[in-house]
Amino acid sequence: MLLKTIKIVLVVAAVIPLFLSAWFSFEFYFAPKTSPKEIFFVVDKGQGVHDIAQNLKEKRVIKNKQSFLLGYKIYYSSKSLKAGEYMFNLPMSPKDILKIITDGKVYLHSLTIHEGLTRKEIARHLASLHFTDEEEFLAASSKTDTISSLDKEALSLEGYLFPETYHFPKGISAKKIISTLVSQFKEVFSEEWQKRAREIKMTPREVVILASLIEKETSLSEEKELVSAVFHNRLRIRMKLDCDPTIIYVLKEEGSFKGRLLKKDLRLNSPYNTYRNRGLPPGPICSPGRESLEAALYPAQEKYLYFVSKKDGSHHFSISFKEHQNAVRKYRKIGNK
């Protein structure tokens, strides 16, 4: 009888580990049978594995808390579970979920920086989307070490926060966002473009300033090289640029822009007032996009010195002042109808 009992105990002792192993393998390595869906899940800073497992179970991301915890202890205990936002495409196995969280493969939010924004406007945009604090961004973008290799005269990163669509996790620092935007600018402003700037006897900074004016003057791709030609021609003969957006930039910075430019604004005492001062303004007035930068480097081979809005988003370009005056009268009448 004793021998029979011992045999039963030994069989049970042998079967139980096999059963537990099979149970663990099934629970940990295989995704449960559920309908396909996306689940957004947040791991808070300092949150422990037990709380995370409980939250995953409550949200029905995992079916079994014990297999998740055991799997973590066996395979991932040397790694921390990274805080952040995650998107799980269910069904998924607990093993795949653990790997995502320990690798920190957080969900990346799409963020578009539009052409023609100032750094203050970018800061407000980021704050409105809860990416970063507005003041923190402005403070970080006032430091110019990231662009000093191209522009030693920069007083801020105005003009160098490259317009593009990016993907960032929430909670990312302003410094990291800025580093990414400036790195993208450097990639776009290639060695070839730097060489071209030297050919036309301009520094990268001057190209960016000119591109920012082009960006604010027209949104039409087909006009950018023409606007660039006008500004290049005026600079060559030392004719004032008479660029409205440079004055608007100052008024916006001061918080005194009323939505349209008034005659008295043209007398504004500022180095950015291109109606009073020859040459380029002292700095960029926005972050220009790729097309405007390219247009600044490669202006159209035209003799235009003037352009005026046609009130439909496009412009009329003129060589002579007389032709320009006629165009101004024509399109002013159209605008007043």
Protein backbone atom coordinates (compact mmCIF):
# COMPACT_ATOMS: atom_id res chain seq x y z
CA MET A 1 0.00 0.00 0.00
CA LEU A 2 2.82 2.35 0.89
CA LEU A 3 4.58 1.54 -2.37
CA LYS A 4 1.41 2.27 -4.34
CA THR A 5 0.98 5.60 -2.58
CA ILE A 6 4.58 6.53 -3.32
CA LYS A 7 4.06 5.72 -7.00
CA ILE A 8 0.94 7.89 -7.14
CA VAL A 9 2.79 10.76 -5.46
CA LEU A 10 5.67 10.44 -7.91
CA VAL A 11 3.33 10.38 -10.89
CA VAL A 12 1.48 13.43 -9.61
CA ALA A 13 4.79 15.18 -8.90
CA ALA A 14 5.87 14.50 -12.47
CA VAL A 15 2.55 15.48 -14.05
CA ILE A 16 2.00 18.75 -12.17
CA PRO A 17 5.13 20.49 -13.60
CA LEU A 18 4.16 19.30 -17.07
CA PHE A 19 0.63 20.61 -16.56
CA LEU A 20 1.89 23.95 -15.22
CA SER A 21 4.37 24.23 -18.07
CA ALA A 22 1.66 23.55 -20.62
CA TRP A 23 -0.69 26.02 -18.91
CA PHE A 24 1.99 28.73 -18.81
CA SER A 25 2.99 28.17 -22.44
CA PHE A 26 -0.63 28.38 -23.56
CA GLU A 27 -1.42 31.48 -21.47
CA PHE A 28 1.83 33.37 -22.09
CA TYR A 29 2.81 32.64 -25.69
CA PHE A 30 -0.59 32.57 -27.38
CA ALA A 31 -3.02 35.41 -27.98
CA PRO A 32 -6.53 34.87 -26.62
CA LYS A 33 -9.34 34.52 -29.11
CA THR A 34 -10.93 37.96 -29.18
CA SER A 35 -12.24 40.32 -31.84
CA PRO A 36 -9.55 42.53 -33.44
CA LYS A 37 -9.41 45.97 -31.82
CA GLU A 38 -7.03 48.72 -30.75
CA ILE A 39 -6.56 49.46 -27.06
CA PHE A 40 -4.86 52.61 -25.81
CA PHE A 41 -2.96 51.93 -22.59
CA VAL A 42 -0.94 54.19 -20.27
CA VAL A 43 1.90 53.11 -17.99
CA ASP A 44 2.46 55.82 -15.39
CA LYS A 45 5.90 56.75 -14.09
CA GLY A 46 6.91 54.62 -11.10
CA GLN A 47 4.08 52.14 -11.66
CA GLY A 48 4.98 48.59 -10.58
CA VAL A 49 4.52 45.40 -12.56
CA HIS A 50 1.65 44.15 -10.34
CA ASP A 51 -0.38 47.35 -10.86
CA ILE A 52 0.35 47.27 -14.60
CA ALA A 53 -0.78 43.63 -14.79
CA GLN A 54 -3.96 44.46 -12.90
CA ASN A 55 -4.74 47.39 -15.22
CA LEU A 56 -4.08 45.26 -18.30
CA LYS A 57 -6.50 42.63 -17.00
CA GLU A 58 -9.16 45.23 -16.18
CA LYS A 59 -8.90 46.64 -19.69
CA ARG A 60 -9.05 43.08 -21.07
CA VAL A 61 -5.68 43.41 -22.76
CA ILE A 62 -4.60 40.20 -21.00
CA LYS A 63 -6.82 37.38 -19.73
CA ASN A 64 -4.59 36.03 -16.97
CA LYS A 65 -2.64 38.20 -14.55
CA GLN A 66 -0.59 35.31 -13.08
CA SER A 67 0.88 34.16 -16.40
CA PHE A 68 1.84 37.78 -17.20
CA LEU A 69 3.64 38.20 -13.86
CA LEU A 70 5.36 34.81 -14.16
CA GLY A 71 6.49 35.59 -17.69
CA TYR A 72 7.91 38.91 -16.53
CA LYS A 73 9.79 37.19 -13.68
CA ILE A 74 11.25 34.51 -15.96
CA TYR A 75 12.15 36.57 -19.05
CA TYR A 76 12.08 40.32 -18.31
CA SER A 77 12.88 40.88 -14.63
CA SER A 78 16.22 42.46 -15.58
CA LYS A 79 14.36 45.12 -17.59
CA SER A 80 12.16 47.93 -16.35
CA LEU A 81 8.65 48.55 -17.65
CA LYS A 82 8.82 51.88 -19.46
CA ALA A 83 6.32 54.61 -18.69
CA GLY A 84 4.38 56.05 -21.58
CA GLU A 85 1.40 55.64 -23.90
CA TYR A 86 0.98 52.38 -25.80
CA MET A 87 -1.34 51.20 -28.54
CA PHE A 88 -2.03 47.46 -28.56
CA ASN A 89 -3.55 45.84 -31.64
CA LEU A 90 -5.45 42.98 -30.03
CA PRO A 91 -5.46 40.06 -29.91
CA MET A 92 -1.86 39.88 -28.67
CA SER A 93 -0.01 37.42 -26.46
CA PRO A 94 1.16 38.56 -22.99
CA LYS A 95 4.73 37.91 -24.19
CA ASP A 96 4.36 40.42 -27.06
CA ILE A 97 2.75 42.97 -24.75
CA LEU A 98 5.58 42.62 -22.22
CA LYS A 99 8.19 43.04 -24.94
CA ILE A 100 6.56 46.23 -26.18
CA ILE A 101 6.44 47.74 -22.68
CA THR A 102 9.98 46.66 -21.68
CA ASP A 103 11.34 47.94 -25.02
CA GLY A 104 9.49 51.24 -24.50
CA LYS A 105 7.83 51.15 -27.92
CA VAL A 106 5.48 53.96 -26.97
CA TYR A 107 2.73 55.32 -29.17
CA LEU A 108 3.91 58.18 -31.39
CA HIS A 109 1.52 61.05 -32.05
CA SER A 110 1.60 62.76 -35.42
CA LEU A 111 2.64 66.43 -35.19
CA THR A 112 2.63 68.78 -38.18
CA ILE A 113 4.60 72.04 -38.06
CA HIS A 114 3.20 74.18 -40.87
CA GLU A 115 5.31 76.43 -43.06
CA GLY A 116 5.47 80.10 -42.13
CA LEU A 117 5.06 79.82 -38.36
CA THR A 118 7.19 81.82 -35.95
CA ARG A 119 8.72 80.05 -32.96
CA LYS A 120 6.11 81.71 -30.71
CA GLU A 121 3.32 80.35 -32.90
CA ILE A 122 4.96 76.91 -32.87
CA ALA A 123 5.19 77.07 -29.06
CA ARG A 124 1.48 77.90 -28.80
CA HIS A 125 0.59 75.14 -31.26
CA LEU A 126 2.56 72.53 -29.29
CA ALA A 127 1.06 73.68 -26.00
CA SER A 128 -2.48 73.49 -27.42
CA LEU A 129 -1.81 69.85 -28.35
CA HIS A 130 -0.34 69.16 -24.88
CA PHE A 131 3.08 68.23 -26.25
CA THR A 132 5.05 70.71 -24.18
CA ASP A 133 4.79 73.86 -22.10
CA GLU A 134 4.81 77.08 -24.15
CA GLU A 135 7.32 78.92 -21.97
CA GLU A 136 9.57 75.87 -21.77
CA PHE A 137 9.63 75.67 -25.57
CA LEU A 138 10.40 79.38 -25.97
CA ALA A 139 13.22 79.16 -23.43
CA ALA A 140 14.73 76.11 -25.13
CA SER A 141 14.40 77.65 -28.62
CA SER A 142 16.27 80.75 -27.49
CA LYS A 143 19.45 78.66 -27.21
CA THR A 144 21.35 78.58 -30.49
CA ASP A 145 24.08 75.96 -29.97
CA THR A 146 22.24 73.45 -32.21
CA ILE A 147 22.49 75.78 -35.23
CA SER A 148 25.82 77.51 -34.53
CA SER A 149 27.64 75.40 -37.14
CA LEU A 150 25.52 77.08 -39.85
CA ASP A 151 24.65 80.39 -38.21
CA LYS A 152 26.93 81.89 -35.59
CA GLU A 153 24.88 85.12 -35.56
CA ALA A 154 21.54 83.53 -34.60
CA LEU A 155 19.92 85.10 -31.54
CA SER A 156 17.29 82.34 -31.37
CA LEU A 157 16.17 79.37 -33.46
CA GLU A 158 13.65 81.52 -35.36
CA GLY A 159 13.70 80.22 -38.93
CA TYR A 160 15.38 76.90 -38.13
CA LEU A 161 12.43 74.94 -36.66
CA PHE A 162 11.80 73.05 -39.85
CA PRO A 163 8.17 72.66 -41.03
CA GLU A 164 7.40 68.96 -41.45
CA THR A 165 5.20 66.18 -40.06
CA TYR A 166 6.88 64.47 -37.11
CA HIS A 167 5.98 61.66 -34.74
CA PHE A 168 6.60 62.16 -31.03
CA PRO A 169 5.50 60.48 -27.80
CA LYS A 170 3.54 62.60 -25.34
CA GLY A 171 5.71 63.80 -22.48
CA ILE A 172 8.72 64.42 -24.72
CA SER A 173 10.84 67.39 -23.64
CA ALA A 174 10.83 70.69 -25.50
CA LYS A 175 14.59 70.30 -25.94
CA LYS A 176 14.14 66.98 -27.74
CA ILE A 177 11.43 68.36 -30.03
CA ILE A 178 13.62 71.33 -30.92
CA SER A 179 16.64 69.11 -31.52
CA THR A 180 14.59 67.02 -33.96
CA LEU A 181 13.27 70.06 -35.85
CA VAL A 182 16.70 71.65 -36.16
CA SER A 183 18.27 68.33 -37.21
CA GLN A 184 15.67 68.10 -39.98
CA PHE A 185 16.57 71.63 -41.11
CA LYS A 186 20.25 70.67 -41.29
CA GLU A 187 19.41 67.57 -43.31
CA VAL A 188 17.36 69.60 -45.80
CA PHE A 189 19.92 72.41 -46.02
CA SER A 190 22.42 70.02 -47.55
CA GLU A 191 26.04 70.45 -48.59
CA GLU A 192 24.76 71.09 -52.11
CA TRP A 193 22.60 73.97 -50.89
CA GLN A 194 25.44 75.37 -48.79
CA LYS A 195 27.61 75.30 -51.91
CA ARG A 196 24.87 77.07 -53.86
CA ALA A 197 24.63 79.74 -51.16
CA ARG A 198 28.35 80.44 -51.60
CA GLU A 199 27.89 80.63 -55.38
CA ILE A 200 25.30 83.40 -55.03
CA LYS A 201 27.42 85.06 -52.33
CA MET A 202 24.97 84.50 -49.47
CA THR A 203 25.43 82.93 -46.06
CA PRO A 204 23.02 80.19 -44.92
CA ARG A 205 21.57 82.75 -42.51
CA GLU A 206 20.85 85.21 -45.35
CA VAL A 207 19.24 82.43 -47.38
CA VAL A 208 16.95 81.53 -44.47
CA ILE A 209 16.02 85.19 -43.90
CA LEU A 210 15.18 85.63 -47.59
CA ALA A 211 13.27 82.32 -47.66
CA SER A 212 11.20 83.44 -44.68
CA LEU A 213 10.14 86.55 -46.60
CA ILE A 214 9.21 84.45 -49.64
CA GLU A 215 7.25 82.07 -47.41
CA LYS A 216 5.14 84.90 -46.00
CA GLU A 217 4.61 86.64 -49.35
CA THR A 218 3.12 83.70 -51.26
CA SER A 219 1.78 80.22 -50.59
CA LEU A 220 1.76 79.30 -54.29
CA SER A 221 4.59 76.99 -55.31
CA GLU A 222 4.70 78.39 -58.85
CA GLU A 223 5.21 81.96 -57.54
CA LYS A 224 8.00 81.40 -55.04
CA GLU A 225 10.85 81.62 -57.57
CA LEU A 226 9.27 84.79 -59.02
CA VAL A 227 9.01 86.46 -55.61
CA SER A 228 12.60 85.39 -54.99
CA ALA A 229 13.63 87.00 -58.28
CA VAL A 230 12.03 90.30 -57.24
CA PHE A 231 13.90 90.32 -53.91
CA HIS A 232 17.22 89.25 -55.46
CA ASN A 233 16.90 91.96 -58.12
CA ARG A 234 16.11 94.62 -55.50
CA LEU A 235 19.00 93.53 -53.27
CA ARG A 236 21.38 93.68 -56.21
CA ILE A 237 20.51 97.33 -57.02
CA ARG A 238 20.19 98.29 -53.33
CA MET A 239 16.47 98.96 -53.65
CA LYS A 240 14.41 98.59 -50.47
CA LEU A 241 12.45 95.32 -50.28
CA ASP A 242 9.17 96.96 -49.14
CA CYS A 243 8.05 93.65 -47.64
CA ASP A 244 4.87 93.96 -45.55
CA PRO A 245 5.38 90.70 -43.60
CA THR A 246 8.56 92.06 -42.00
CA ILE A 247 6.55 94.82 -40.33
CA ILE A 248 3.74 92.44 -39.41
CA TYR A 249 6.33 90.21 -37.74
CA VAL A 250 7.43 93.03 -35.42
CA LEU A 251 3.86 94.07 -34.63
CA LYS A 252 2.94 90.47 -33.78
CA GLU A 253 6.00 90.12 -31.58
CA GLU A 254 4.91 93.27 -29.76
CA GLY A 255 1.30 92.06 -29.61
CA SER A 256 0.05 95.17 -31.41
CA PHE A 257 -0.98 93.76 -34.81
CA LYS A 258 -4.64 94.55 -35.53
CA GLY A 259 -5.17 92.09 -38.39
CA ARG A 260 -4.15 94.40 -41.22
CA LEU A 261 -1.30 96.76 -41.96
CA LEU A 262 -2.01 100.47 -41.62
CA LYS A 263 -0.21 103.34 -43.38
CA LYS A 264 1.30 104.52 -40.12
CA ASP A 265 2.82 101.05 -39.63
CA LEU A 266 5.04 101.62 -42.68
CA ARG A 267 6.84 104.29 -40.63
CA LEU A 268 7.59 101.83 -37.81
CA ASN A 269 11.01 102.47 -36.30
CA SER A 270 12.48 98.98 -36.46
CA PRO A 271 15.41 97.32 -38.24
CA TYR A 272 12.79 94.86 -39.56
CA ASN A 273 10.97 97.64 -41.39
CA THR A 274 12.03 96.98 -44.99
CA TYR A 275 10.20 100.13 -46.11
CA ARG A 276 12.74 102.22 -44.17
CA ASN A 277 15.86 100.05 -44.31
CA ARG A 278 17.73 98.63 -47.29
CA GLY A 279 18.75 95.00 -47.46
CA LEU A 280 17.47 92.00 -45.58
CA PRO A 281 15.95 92.33 -42.12
CA PRO A 282 18.23 91.29 -39.23
CA GLY A 283 16.71 87.82 -38.84
CA PRO A 284 14.17 85.33 -40.19
CA ILE A 285 10.50 86.22 -39.68
CA CYS A 286 9.23 82.60 -39.69
CA SER A 287 10.33 79.05 -40.40
CA PRO A 288 10.35 78.67 -44.19
CA GLY A 289 9.58 75.36 -45.88
CA ARG A 290 11.64 73.44 -48.40
CA GLU A 291 10.14 75.18 -51.44
CA SER A 292 10.83 78.67 -50.12
CA LEU A 293 14.41 77.77 -49.19
CA GLU A 294 14.99 76.35 -52.65
CA ALA A 295 13.43 79.43 -54.25
CA ALA A 296 15.74 81.70 -52.25
CA LEU A 297 18.71 79.75 -53.60
CA TYR A 298 17.41 79.40 -57.16
CA PRO A 299 15.39 82.51 -58.13
CA ALA A 300 13.67 82.70 -61.49
CA GLN A 301 15.75 84.37 -64.19
CA GLU A 302 13.39 87.33 -64.53
CA LYS A 303 13.85 91.11 -64.31
CA TYR A 304 10.80 91.74 -62.15
CA LEU A 305 11.10 94.41 -59.47
CA TYR A 306 7.48 94.60 -58.28
CA PHE A 307 4.50 92.41 -57.48
CA VAL A 308 1.01 93.09 -56.21
CA SER A 309 -1.76 90.83 -54.93
CA LYS A 310 -4.49 89.97 -57.44
CA LYS A 311 -6.90 89.40 -54.51
CA ASP A 312 -7.24 85.70 -55.35
CA GLY A 313 -4.09 84.47 -53.62
CA SER A 314 -1.88 85.03 -56.66
CA HIS A 315 0.23 88.06 -57.70
CA HIS A 316 0.90 90.22 -60.73
CA PHE A 317 4.62 90.76 -61.42
CA SER A 318 6.02 93.86 -63.12
CA ILE A 319 9.36 95.09 -64.38
CA SER A 320 8.63 98.83 -64.48
CA PHE A 321 7.12 101.05 -61.81
CA LYS A 322 4.54 102.35 -64.32
CA GLU A 323 3.31 98.83 -65.05
CA HIS A 324 3.21 98.15 -61.33
CA GLN A 325 1.11 101.28 -60.66
CA ASN A 326 -1.37 100.21 -63.33
CA ALA A 327 -1.60 96.75 -61.76
CA VAL A 328 -2.11 98.24 -58.30
CA ARG A 329 -5.01 100.39 -59.57
CA LYS A 330 -6.55 97.44 -61.44
CA TYR A 331 -6.49 95.00 -58.56
CA ARG A 332 -7.43 97.60 -55.96
CA LYS A 333 -10.63 98.18 -57.95
CA ILE A 334 -11.26 94.44 -58.03
CA GLY A 335 -10.72 94.24 -54.30
CA ASN A 336 -13.16 97.09 -53.64
CA LYS A 337 -16.02 95.51 -55.64
